[in-house]
Amino acid sequence: MQEIAGVFGVYGINVDKRHLSLIADYMTFEGRYKPFNRMGMNSNPSPFAQMSFETTTNFLTTATLTGDFDPLESPSARLVLGKVVRGGTGSFEVLQPVAVA
């Protein structure tokens, strides 16, 4: 995380440690180093997650031409379409009707 903070720090950008932790988790989740750039996003199976990164038009064009499908499982994909993220308070549904007094 110090290395990532250093990259942003050179440009005077302060990033919360929680955001850096998410980036570090993304980069190491598969048990190996995954670049956090366009090349790393190419391996992401979610077209909407890819589009939320940098080169939206390129990813959108590729997804359209190849008929990619997105099951909307990643937070980025859900946020792009205005859907509730399935995490935190969005990780469950209330099944019992609540009486409002």
PDB file of N, CA and C in Angstrom:
ATOM      1  N   MET A   1       0.826  -1.187   0.000  1.00  0.00           N
ATOM      2  CA  MET A   1       0.000   0.000   0.000  1.00  0.00           C
ATOM      3  C   MET A   1       0.873   1.254   0.000  1.00  0.00           C
ATOM      4  N   GLN A   2       2.047   1.162   0.621  1.00  0.00           N
ATOM      5  CA  GLN A   2       2.948   2.319   0.631  1.00  0.00           C
ATOM      6  C   GLN A   2       3.402   2.670  -0.780  1.00  0.00           C
ATOM      7  N   GLU A   3       3.651   1.640  -1.590  1.00  0.00           N
ATOM      8  CA  GLU A   3       4.078   1.885  -2.967  1.00  0.00           C
ATOM      9  C   GLU A   3       2.974   2.585  -3.760  1.00  0.00           C
ATOM     10  N   ILE A   4       1.742   2.121  -3.592  1.00  0.00           N
ATOM     11  CA  ILE A   4       0.619   2.729  -4.311  1.00  0.00           C
ATOM     12  C   ILE A   4       0.417   4.166  -3.838  1.00  0.00           C
ATOM     13  N   ALA A   5       0.485   4.385  -2.514  1.00  0.00           N
ATOM     14  CA  ALA A   5       0.342   5.738  -1.966  1.00  0.00           C
ATOM     15  C   ALA A   5       1.440   6.645  -2.506  1.00  0.00           C
ATOM     16  N   GLY A   6       2.642   6.098  -2.673  1.00  0.00           N
ATOM     17  CA  GLY A   6       3.752   6.874  -3.216  1.00  0.00           C
ATOM     18  C   GLY A   6       3.510   7.319  -4.642  1.00  0.00           C
ATOM     19  N   VAL A   7       2.885   6.452  -5.438  1.00  0.00           N
ATOM     20  CA  VAL A   7       2.578   6.802  -6.829  1.00  0.00           C
ATOM     21  C   VAL A   7       1.629   7.999  -6.868  1.00  0.00           C
ATOM     22  N   PHE A   8       0.584   7.969  -6.054  1.00  0.00           N
ATOM     23  CA  PHE A   8      -0.365   9.086  -6.017  1.00  0.00           C
ATOM     24  C   PHE A   8       0.260  10.314  -5.362  1.00  0.00           C
ATOM     25  N   GLY A   9       1.075  10.089  -4.324  1.00  0.00           N
ATOM     26  CA  GLY A   9       1.700  11.180  -3.580  1.00  0.00           C
ATOM     27  C   GLY A   9       2.590  12.060  -4.430  1.00  0.00           C
ATOM     28  N   VAL A  10       3.244  11.491  -5.422  1.00  0.00           N
ATOM     29  CA  VAL A  10       4.105  12.267  -6.321  1.00  0.00           C
ATOM     30  C   VAL A  10       3.310  13.387  -6.986  1.00  0.00           C
ATOM     31  N   TYR A  11       2.042  13.143  -7.240  1.00  0.00           N
ATOM     32  CA  TYR A  11       1.185  14.133  -7.895  1.00  0.00           C
ATOM     33  C   TYR A  11       0.391  14.968  -6.887  1.00  0.00           C
ATOM     34  N   GLY A  12       0.707  14.821  -5.604  1.00  0.00           N
ATOM     35  CA  GLY A  12       0.021  15.582  -4.572  1.00  0.00           C
ATOM     36  C   GLY A  12      -1.383  15.094  -4.289  1.00  0.00           C
ATOM     37  N   ILE A  13      -1.658  13.835  -4.646  1.00  0.00           N
ATOM     38  CA  ILE A  13      -2.994  13.273  -4.443  1.00  0.00           C
ATOM     39  C   ILE A  13      -2.992  12.455  -3.158  1.00  0.00           C
ATOM     40  N   ASN A  14      -3.865  12.824  -2.234  1.00  0.00           N
ATOM     41  CA  ASN A  14      -4.017  12.083  -0.984  1.00  0.00           C
ATOM     42  C   ASN A  14      -5.147  11.081  -1.149  1.00  0.00           C
ATOM     43  N   VAL A  15      -4.879   9.811  -0.904  1.00  0.00           N
ATOM     44  CA  VAL A  15      -5.896   8.773  -1.061  1.00  0.00           C
ATOM     45  C   VAL A  15      -6.089   8.079   0.278  1.00  0.00           C
ATOM     46  N   ASP A  16      -7.337   7.911   0.681  1.00  0.00           N
ATOM     47  CA  ASP A  16      -7.660   7.233   1.933  1.00  0.00           C
ATOM     48  C   ASP A  16      -7.098   5.815   1.922  1.00  0.00           C
ATOM     49  N   LYS A  17      -6.593   5.377   3.062  1.00  0.00           N
ATOM     50  CA  LYS A  17      -5.984   4.042   3.160  1.00  0.00           C
ATOM     51  C   LYS A  17      -6.974   2.929   2.830  1.00  0.00           C
ATOM     52  N   ARG A  18      -8.251   3.159   3.070  1.00  0.00           N
ATOM     53  CA  ARG A  18      -9.251   2.130   2.755  1.00  0.00           C
ATOM     54  C   ARG A  18      -9.355   1.918   1.250  1.00  0.00           C
ATOM     55  N   HIS A  19      -9.239   2.998   0.488  1.00  0.00           N
ATOM     56  CA  HIS A  19      -9.261   2.865  -0.969  1.00  0.00           C
ATOM     57  C   HIS A  19      -8.018   2.127  -1.448  1.00  0.00           C
ATOM     58  N   LEU A  20      -6.876   2.467  -0.857  1.00  0.00           N
ATOM     59  CA  LEU A  20      -5.634   1.788  -1.225  1.00  0.00           C
ATOM     60  C   LEU A  20      -5.704   0.309  -0.869  1.00  0.00           C
ATOM     61  N   SER A  21      -6.366  -0.006   0.235  1.00  0.00           N
ATOM     62  CA  SER A  21      -6.529  -1.402   0.640  1.00  0.00           C
ATOM     63  C   SER A  21      -7.369  -2.166  -0.383  1.00  0.00           C
ATOM     64  N   LEU A  22      -8.423  -1.535  -0.902  1.00  0.00           N
ATOM     65  CA  LEU A  22      -9.245  -2.169  -1.937  1.00  0.00           C
ATOM     66  C   LEU A  22      -8.434  -2.431  -3.200  1.00  0.00           C
ATOM     67  N   ILE A  23      -7.607  -1.462  -3.579  1.00  0.00           N
ATOM     68  CA  ILE A  23      -6.764  -1.638  -4.764  1.00  0.00           C
ATOM     69  C   ILE A  23      -5.782  -2.777  -4.539  1.00  0.00           C
ATOM     70  N   ALA A  24      -5.168  -2.819  -3.358  1.00  0.00           N
ATOM     71  CA  ALA A  24      -4.216  -3.889  -3.042  1.00  0.00           C
ATOM     72  C   ALA A  24      -4.907  -5.251  -3.057  1.00  0.00           C
ATOM     73  N   ASP A  25      -6.123  -5.324  -2.521  1.00  0.00           N
ATOM     74  CA  ASP A  25      -6.882  -6.581  -2.546  1.00  0.00           C
ATOM     75  C   ASP A  25      -7.163  -7.016  -3.978  1.00  0.00           C
ATOM     76  N   TYR A  26      -7.563  -6.080  -4.824  1.00  0.00           N
ATOM     77  CA  TYR A  26      -7.841  -6.382  -6.231  1.00  0.00           C
ATOM     78  C   TYR A  26      -6.588  -6.912  -6.920  1.00  0.00           C
ATOM     79  N   MET A  27      -5.465  -6.280  -6.635  1.00  0.00           N
ATOM     80  CA  MET A  27      -4.222  -6.628  -7.323  1.00  0.00           C
ATOM     81  C   MET A  27      -3.650  -7.974  -6.884  1.00  0.00           C
ATOM     82  N   THR A  28      -4.018  -8.455  -5.691  1.00  0.00           N
ATOM     83  CA  THR A  28      -3.417  -9.691  -5.172  1.00  0.00           C
ATOM     84  C   THR A  28      -4.428 -10.803  -4.912  1.00  0.00           C
ATOM     85  N   PHE A  29      -5.701 -10.588  -5.191  1.00  0.00           N
ATOM     86  CA  PHE A  29      -6.761 -11.545  -4.862  1.00  0.00           C
ATOM     87  C   PHE A  29      -6.544 -12.925  -5.465  1.00  0.00           C
ATOM     88  N   GLU A  30      -6.018 -12.986  -6.672  1.00  0.00           N
ATOM     89  CA  GLU A  30      -5.856 -14.265  -7.366  1.00  0.00           C
ATOM     90  C   GLU A  30      -4.583 -15.003  -6.966  1.00  0.00           C
ATOM     91  N   GLY A  31      -3.876 -14.500  -5.950  1.00  0.00           N
ATOM     92  CA  GLY A  31      -2.669 -15.169  -5.484  1.00  0.00           C
ATOM     93  C   GLY A  31      -1.422 -14.792  -6.257  1.00  0.00           C
ATOM     94  N   ARG A  32      -1.556 -13.841  -7.129  1.00  0.00           N
ATOM     95  CA  ARG A  32      -0.414 -13.332  -7.890  1.00  0.00           C
ATOM     96  C   ARG A  32      -0.648 -11.844  -8.124  1.00  0.00           C
ATOM     97  N   TYR A  33       0.374 -11.161  -8.577  1.00  0.00           N
ATOM     98  CA  TYR A  33       0.261  -9.732  -8.841  1.00  0.00           C
ATOM     99  C   TYR A  33      -0.538  -9.502 -10.119  1.00  0.00           C
ATOM    100  N   LYS A  34      -1.538  -8.644 -10.041  1.00  0.00           N
ATOM    101  CA  LYS A  34      -2.356  -8.280 -11.202  1.00  0.00           C
ATOM    102  C   LYS A  34      -2.241  -6.765 -11.379  1.00  0.00           C
ATOM    103  N   PRO A  35      -1.783  -6.309 -12.539  1.00  0.00           N
ATOM    104  CA  PRO A  35      -1.608  -4.865 -12.716  1.00  0.00           C
ATOM    105  C   PRO A  35      -2.935  -4.108 -12.632  1.00  0.00           C
ATOM    106  N   PHE A  36      -2.889  -2.952 -12.021  1.00  0.00           N
ATOM    107  CA  PHE A  36      -4.072  -2.098 -11.900  1.00  0.00           C
ATOM    108  C   PHE A  36      -4.006  -1.045 -13.004  1.00  0.00           C
ATOM    109  N   ASN A  37      -4.155  -1.520 -14.233  1.00  0.00           N
ATOM    110  CA  ASN A  37      -4.128  -0.661 -15.412  1.00  0.00           C
ATOM    111  C   ASN A  37      -5.007  -1.295 -16.489  1.00  0.00           C
ATOM    112  N   ARG A  38      -4.964  -0.769 -17.708  1.00  0.00           N
ATOM    113  CA  ARG A  38      -5.801  -1.309 -18.789  1.00  0.00           C
ATOM    114  C   ARG A  38      -5.544  -2.785 -19.030  1.00  0.00           C
ATOM    115  N   MET A  39      -4.276  -3.182 -18.967  1.00  0.00           N
ATOM    116  CA  MET A  39      -3.938  -4.585 -19.214  1.00  0.00           C
ATOM    117  C   MET A  39      -4.542  -5.484 -18.133  1.00  0.00           C
ATOM    118  N   GLY A  40      -4.520  -5.041 -16.902  1.00  0.00           N
ATOM    119  CA  GLY A  40      -5.123  -5.810 -15.819  1.00  0.00           C
ATOM    120  C   GLY A  40      -6.632  -5.886 -15.952  1.00  0.00           C
ATOM    121  N   MET A  41      -7.251  -4.812 -16.436  1.00  0.00           N
ATOM    122  CA  MET A  41      -8.704  -4.798 -16.605  1.00  0.00           C
ATOM    123  C   MET A  41      -9.146  -5.676 -17.771  1.00  0.00           C
ATOM    124  N   ASN A  42      -8.260  -5.918 -18.731  1.00  0.00           N
ATOM    125  CA  ASN A  42      -8.610  -6.789 -19.861  1.00  0.00           C
ATOM    126  C   ASN A  42      -8.983  -8.185 -19.397  1.00  0.00           C
ATOM    127  N   SER A  43      -8.418  -8.626 -18.273  1.00  0.00           N
ATOM    128  CA  SER A  43      -8.705  -9.973 -17.779  1.00  0.00           C
ATOM    129  C   SER A  43      -9.971 -10.020 -16.928  1.00  0.00           C
ATOM    130  N   ASN A  44     -10.588  -8.871 -16.657  1.00  0.00           N
ATOM    131  CA  ASN A  44     -11.809  -8.826 -15.862  1.00  0.00           C
ATOM    132  C   ASN A  44     -12.976  -9.306 -16.728  1.00  0.00           C
ATOM    133  N   PRO A  45     -13.732 -10.315 -16.261  1.00  0.00           N
ATOM    134  CA  PRO A  45     -14.826 -10.855 -17.081  1.00  0.00           C
ATOM    135  C   PRO A  45     -16.046  -9.937 -17.183  1.00  0.00           C
ATOM    136  N   SER A  46     -16.110  -8.892 -16.377  1.00  0.00           N
ATOM    137  CA  SER A  46     -17.272  -8.008 -16.363  1.00  0.00           C
ATOM    138  C   SER A  46     -17.069  -6.807 -17.295  1.00  0.00           C
ATOM    139  N   PRO A  47     -17.822  -6.749 -18.408  1.00  0.00           N
ATOM    140  CA  PRO A  47     -17.682  -5.603 -19.317  1.00  0.00           C
ATOM    141  C   PRO A  47     -17.961  -4.261 -18.638  1.00  0.00           C
ATOM    142  N   PHE A  48     -18.945  -4.209 -17.744  1.00  0.00           N
ATOM    143  CA  PHE A  48     -19.253  -2.940 -17.082  1.00  0.00           C
ATOM    144  C   PHE A  48     -18.161  -2.542 -16.099  1.00  0.00           C
ATOM    145  N   ALA A  49     -17.541  -3.505 -15.445  1.00  0.00           N
ATOM    146  CA  ALA A  49     -16.413  -3.189 -14.567  1.00  0.00           C
ATOM    147  C   ALA A  49     -15.255  -2.649 -15.393  1.00  0.00           C
ATOM    148  N   GLN A  50     -15.034  -3.226 -16.564  1.00  0.00           N
ATOM    149  CA  GLN A  50     -13.983  -2.727 -17.455  1.00  0.00           C
ATOM    150  C   GLN A  50     -14.286  -1.289 -17.879  1.00  0.00           C
ATOM    151  N   MET A  51     -15.534  -1.029 -18.222  1.00  0.00           N
ATOM    152  CA  MET A  51     -15.915   0.305 -18.685  1.00  0.00           C
ATOM    153  C   MET A  51     -15.795   1.353 -17.589  1.00  0.00           C
ATOM    154  N   SER A  52     -15.865   0.940 -16.331  1.00  0.00           N
ATOM    155  CA  SER A  52     -15.776   1.902 -15.235  1.00  0.00           C
ATOM    156  C   SER A  52     -14.341   2.333 -14.981  1.00  0.00           C
ATOM    157  N   PHE A  53     -13.383   1.779 -15.710  1.00  0.00           N
ATOM    158  CA  PHE A  53     -11.984   2.109 -15.458  1.00  0.00           C
ATOM    159  C   PHE A  53     -11.549   3.339 -16.243  1.00  0.00           C
ATOM    160  N   GLU A  54     -10.921   3.192 -17.397  1.00  0.00           N
ATOM    161  CA  GLU A  54     -10.358   4.334 -18.115  1.00  0.00           C
ATOM    162  C   GLU A  54     -10.910   4.490 -19.524  1.00  0.00           C
ATOM    163  N   THR A  55     -10.756   3.471 -20.310  1.00  0.00           N
ATOM    164  CA  THR A  55     -11.086   3.563 -21.732  1.00  0.00           C
ATOM    165  C   THR A  55     -12.475   2.994 -21.992  1.00  0.00           C
ATOM    166  N   THR A  56     -13.466   3.718 -21.538  1.00  0.00           N
ATOM    167  CA  THR A  56     -14.852   3.266 -21.619  1.00  0.00           C
ATOM    168  C   THR A  56     -15.251   2.881 -23.037  1.00  0.00           C
ATOM    169  N   THR A  57     -14.962   3.725 -23.997  1.00  0.00           N
ATOM    170  CA  THR A  57     -15.399   3.483 -25.372  1.00  0.00           C
ATOM    171  C   THR A  57     -14.786   2.216 -25.947  1.00  0.00           C
ATOM    172  N   ASN A  58     -13.503   1.999 -25.693  1.00  0.00           N
ATOM    173  CA  ASN A  58     -12.845   0.791 -26.210  1.00  0.00           C
ATOM    174  C   ASN A  58     -13.471  -0.467 -25.627  1.00  0.00           C
ATOM    175  N   PHE A  59     -13.666  -0.479 -24.297  1.00  0.00           N
ATOM    176  CA  PHE A  59     -14.257  -1.656 -23.658  1.00  0.00           C
ATOM    177  C   PHE A  59     -15.697  -1.859 -24.117  1.00  0.00           C
ATOM    178  N   LEU A  60     -16.458  -0.771 -24.276  1.00  0.00           N
ATOM    179  CA  LEU A  60     -17.848  -0.865 -24.727  1.00  0.00           C
ATOM    180  C   LEU A  60     -17.922  -1.410 -26.151  1.00  0.00           C
ATOM    181  N   THR A  61     -17.064  -0.922 -27.023  1.00  0.00           N
ATOM    182  CA  THR A  61     -17.037  -1.395 -28.409  1.00  0.00           C
ATOM    183  C   THR A  61     -16.715  -2.881 -28.473  1.00  0.00           C
ATOM    184  N   THR A  62     -15.687  -3.291 -27.743  1.00  0.00           N
ATOM    185  CA  THR A  62     -15.294  -4.702 -27.730  1.00  0.00           C
ATOM    186  C   THR A  62     -16.421  -5.578 -27.193  1.00  0.00           C
ATOM    187  N   ALA A  63     -17.036  -5.158 -26.083  1.00  0.00           N
ATOM    188  CA  ALA A  63     -18.121  -5.942 -25.484  1.00  0.00           C
ATOM    189  C   ALA A  63     -19.303  -6.065 -26.436  1.00  0.00           C
ATOM    190  N   THR A  64     -19.609  -4.994 -27.152  1.00  0.00           N
ATOM    191  CA  THR A  64     -20.727  -5.006 -28.096  1.00  0.00           C
ATOM    192  C   THR A  64     -20.444  -5.913 -29.285  1.00  0.00           C
ATOM    193  N   LEU A  65     -19.254  -5.789 -29.842  1.00  0.00           N
ATOM    194  CA  LEU A  65     -18.903  -6.575 -31.031  1.00  0.00           C
ATOM    195  C   LEU A  65     -18.755  -8.065 -30.743  1.00  0.00           C
ATOM    196  N   THR A  66     -18.361  -8.407 -29.520  1.00  0.00           N
ATOM    197  CA  THR A  66     -18.164  -9.824 -29.184  1.00  0.00           C
ATOM    198  C   THR A  66     -19.363 -10.419 -28.456  1.00  0.00           C
ATOM    199  N   GLY A  67     -20.395  -9.613 -28.198  1.00  0.00           N
ATOM    200  CA  GLY A  67     -21.599 -10.119 -27.542  1.00  0.00           C
ATOM    201  C   GLY A  67     -21.379 -10.524 -26.100  1.00  0.00           C
ATOM    202  N   ASP A  68     -20.517  -9.797 -25.398  1.00  0.00           N
ATOM    203  CA  ASP A  68     -20.247 -10.122 -23.992  1.00  0.00           C
ATOM    204  C   ASP A  68     -21.498  -9.957 -23.139  1.00  0.00           C
ATOM    205  N   PHE A  69     -21.588 -10.779 -22.100  1.00  0.00           N
ATOM    206  CA  PHE A  69     -22.694 -10.735 -21.144  1.00  0.00           C
ATOM    207  C   PHE A  69     -22.130 -10.378 -19.778  1.00  0.00           C
ATOM    208  N   ASP A  70     -22.824  -9.550 -19.038  1.00  0.00           N
ATOM    209  CA  ASP A  70     -22.383  -9.181 -17.697  1.00  0.00           C
ATOM    210  C   ASP A  70     -23.460  -9.573 -16.692  1.00  0.00           C
ATOM    211  N   PRO A  71     -23.152 -10.514 -15.782  1.00  0.00           N
ATOM    212  CA  PRO A  71     -24.142 -10.929 -14.786  1.00  0.00           C
ATOM    213  C   PRO A  71     -24.323  -9.909 -13.657  1.00  0.00           C
ATOM    214  N   LEU A  72     -23.628  -8.783 -13.724  1.00  0.00           N
ATOM    215  CA  LEU A  72     -23.712  -7.710 -12.725  1.00  0.00           C
ATOM    216  C   LEU A  72     -23.393  -8.207 -11.316  1.00  0.00           C
ATOM    217  N   GLU A  73     -22.295  -8.914 -11.176  1.00  0.00           N
ATOM    218  CA  GLU A  73     -21.880  -9.412  -9.868  1.00  0.00           C
ATOM    219  C   GLU A  73     -20.865  -8.504  -9.189  1.00  0.00           C
ATOM    220  N   SER A  74     -20.135  -7.704  -9.950  1.00  0.00           N
ATOM    221  CA  SER A  74     -19.123  -6.836  -9.337  1.00  0.00           C
ATOM    222  C   SER A  74     -19.759  -5.516  -8.906  1.00  0.00           C
ATOM    223  N   PRO A  75     -19.245  -4.914  -7.830  1.00  0.00           N
ATOM    224  CA  PRO A  75     -19.781  -3.617  -7.399  1.00  0.00           C
ATOM    225  C   PRO A  75     -19.712  -2.562  -8.503  1.00  0.00           C
ATOM    226  N   SER A  76     -18.619  -2.520  -9.254  1.00  0.00           N
ATOM    227  CA  SER A  76     -18.482  -1.523 -10.327  1.00  0.00           C
ATOM    228  C   SER A  76     -19.576  -1.682 -11.367  1.00  0.00           C
ATOM    229  N   ALA A  77     -19.833  -2.916 -11.770  1.00  0.00           N
ATOM    230  CA  ALA A  77     -20.855  -3.174 -12.787  1.00  0.00           C
ATOM    231  C   ALA A  77     -22.230  -2.739 -12.291  1.00  0.00           C
ATOM    232  N   ARG A  78     -22.535  -3.012 -11.043  1.00  0.00           N
ATOM    233  CA  ARG A  78     -23.838  -2.650 -10.493  1.00  0.00           C
ATOM    234  C   ARG A  78     -23.977  -1.128 -10.359  1.00  0.00           C
ATOM    235  N   LEU A  79     -22.907  -0.464  -9.932  1.00  0.00           N
ATOM    236  CA  LEU A  79     -22.949   0.990  -9.774  1.00  0.00           C
ATOM    237  C   LEU A  79     -23.129   1.706 -11.106  1.00  0.00           C
ATOM    238  N   VAL A  80     -22.495   1.193 -12.156  1.00  0.00           N
ATOM    239  CA  VAL A  80     -22.608   1.810 -13.481  1.00  0.00           C
ATOM    240  C   VAL A  80     -24.068   1.872 -13.917  1.00  0.00           C
ATOM    241  N   LEU A  81     -24.853   0.865 -13.553  1.00  0.00           N
ATOM    242  CA  LEU A  81     -26.260   0.807 -13.961  1.00  0.00           C
ATOM    243  C   LEU A  81     -27.226   1.287 -12.885  1.00  0.00           C
ATOM    244  N   GLY A  82     -26.690   1.834 -11.787  1.00  0.00           N
ATOM    245  CA  GLY A  82     -27.548   2.356 -10.730  1.00  0.00           C
ATOM    246  C   GLY A  82     -28.215   1.283  -9.894  1.00  0.00           C
ATOM    247  N   LYS A  83     -27.644   0.078  -9.875  1.00  0.00           N
ATOM    248  CA  LYS A  83     -28.190  -1.016  -9.072  1.00  0.00           C
ATOM    249  C   LYS A  83     -27.563  -0.990  -7.677  1.00  0.00           C
ATOM    250  N   VAL A  84     -28.256  -1.544  -6.702  1.00  0.00           N
ATOM    251  CA  VAL A  84     -27.721  -1.644  -5.349  1.00  0.00           C
ATOM    252  C   VAL A  84     -26.592  -2.667  -5.342  1.00  0.00           C
ATOM    253  N   VAL A  85     -25.472  -2.302  -4.731  1.00  0.00           N
ATOM    254  CA  VAL A  85     -24.330  -3.214  -4.619  1.00  0.00           C
ATOM    255  C   VAL A  85     -24.669  -4.296  -3.606  1.00  0.00           C
ATOM    256  N   ARG A  86     -24.348  -5.533  -3.939  1.00  0.00           N
ATOM    257  CA  ARG A  86     -24.641  -6.657  -3.040  1.00  0.00           C
ATOM    258  C   ARG A  86     -23.546  -6.794  -1.988  1.00  0.00           C
ATOM    259  N   GLY A  87     -23.509  -5.845  -1.116  1.00  0.00           N
ATOM    260  CA  GLY A  87     -22.550  -5.824  -0.017  1.00  0.00           C
ATOM    261  C   GLY A  87     -23.062  -4.843   1.019  1.00  0.00           C
ATOM    262  N   GLY A  88     -22.631  -4.989   2.251  1.00  0.00           N
ATOM    263  CA  GLY A  88     -23.101  -4.089   3.305  1.00  0.00           C
ATOM    264  C   GLY A  88     -24.609  -4.173   3.435  1.00  0.00           C
ATOM    265  N   THR A  89     -25.285  -3.023   3.442  1.00  0.00           N
ATOM    266  CA  THR A  89     -26.742  -3.016   3.592  1.00  0.00           C
ATOM    267  C   THR A  89     -27.460  -3.527   2.353  1.00  0.00           C
ATOM    268  N   GLY A  90     -26.749  -3.678   1.240  1.00  0.00           N
ATOM    269  CA  GLY A  90     -27.356  -4.214   0.027  1.00  0.00           C
ATOM    270  C   GLY A  90     -27.185  -5.714  -0.109  1.00  0.00           C
ATOM    271  N   SER A  91     -26.652  -6.365   0.930  1.00  0.00           N
ATOM    272  CA  SER A  91     -26.368  -7.800   0.832  1.00  0.00           C
ATOM    273  C   SER A  91     -27.547  -8.684   1.236  1.00  0.00           C
ATOM    274  N   PHE A  92     -28.654  -8.080   1.579  1.00  0.00           N
ATOM    275  CA  PHE A  92     -29.815  -8.881   1.967  1.00  0.00           C
ATOM    276  C   PHE A  92     -31.085  -8.119   1.613  1.00  0.00           C
ATOM    277  N   GLU A  93     -32.199  -8.834   1.650  1.00  0.00           N
ATOM    278  CA  GLU A  93     -33.499  -8.208   1.426  1.00  0.00           C
ATOM    279  C   GLU A  93     -34.368  -8.451   2.653  1.00  0.00           C
ATOM    280  N   VAL A  94     -35.249  -7.537   2.945  1.00  0.00           N
ATOM    281  CA  VAL A  94     -36.189  -7.706   4.047  1.00  0.00           C
ATOM    282  C   VAL A  94     -37.383  -8.467   3.495  1.00  0.00           C
ATOM    283  N   LEU A  95     -37.610  -9.665   4.022  1.00  0.00           N
ATOM    284  CA  LEU A  95     -38.694 -10.509   3.528  1.00  0.00           C
ATOM    285  C   LEU A  95     -39.970 -10.347   4.341  1.00  0.00           C
ATOM    286  N   GLN A  96     -39.849  -9.879   5.557  1.00  0.00           N
ATOM    287  CA  GLN A  96     -40.998  -9.688   6.437  1.00  0.00           C
ATOM    288  C   GLN A  96     -41.551  -8.282   6.226  1.00  0.00           C
ATOM    289  N   PRO A  97     -42.834  -8.155   5.901  1.00  0.00           N
ATOM    290  CA  PRO A  97     -43.400  -6.807   5.768  1.00  0.00           C
ATOM    291  C   PRO A  97     -43.300  -6.059   7.100  1.00  0.00           C
ATOM    292  N   VAL A  98     -42.968  -4.814   7.031  1.00  0.00           N
ATOM    293  CA  VAL A  98     -42.827  -4.001   8.230  1.00  0.00           C
ATOM    294  C   VAL A  98     -44.035  -3.082   8.324  1.00  0.00           C
ATOM    295  N   ALA A  99     -44.730  -3.153   9.460  1.00  0.00           N
ATOM    296  CA  ALA A  99     -45.892  -2.291   9.672  1.00  0.00           C
ATOM    297  C   ALA A  99     -45.407  -0.910  10.088  1.00  0.00           C
ATOM    298  N   VAL A 100     -45.884   0.094   9.380  1.00  0.00           N
ATOM    299  CA  VAL A 100     -45.510   1.469   9.703  1.00  0.00           C
ATOM    300  C   VAL A 100     -46.640   2.071  10.514  1.00  0.00           C
ATOM    301  N   ALA A 101     -46.305   2.561  11.695  1.00  0.00           N
ATOM    302  CA  ALA A 101     -47.332   3.115  12.584  1.00  0.00           C
ATOM    303  C   ALA A 101     -47.606   4.556  12.287  1.00  0.00           C
TER     304      ALA A 101
END
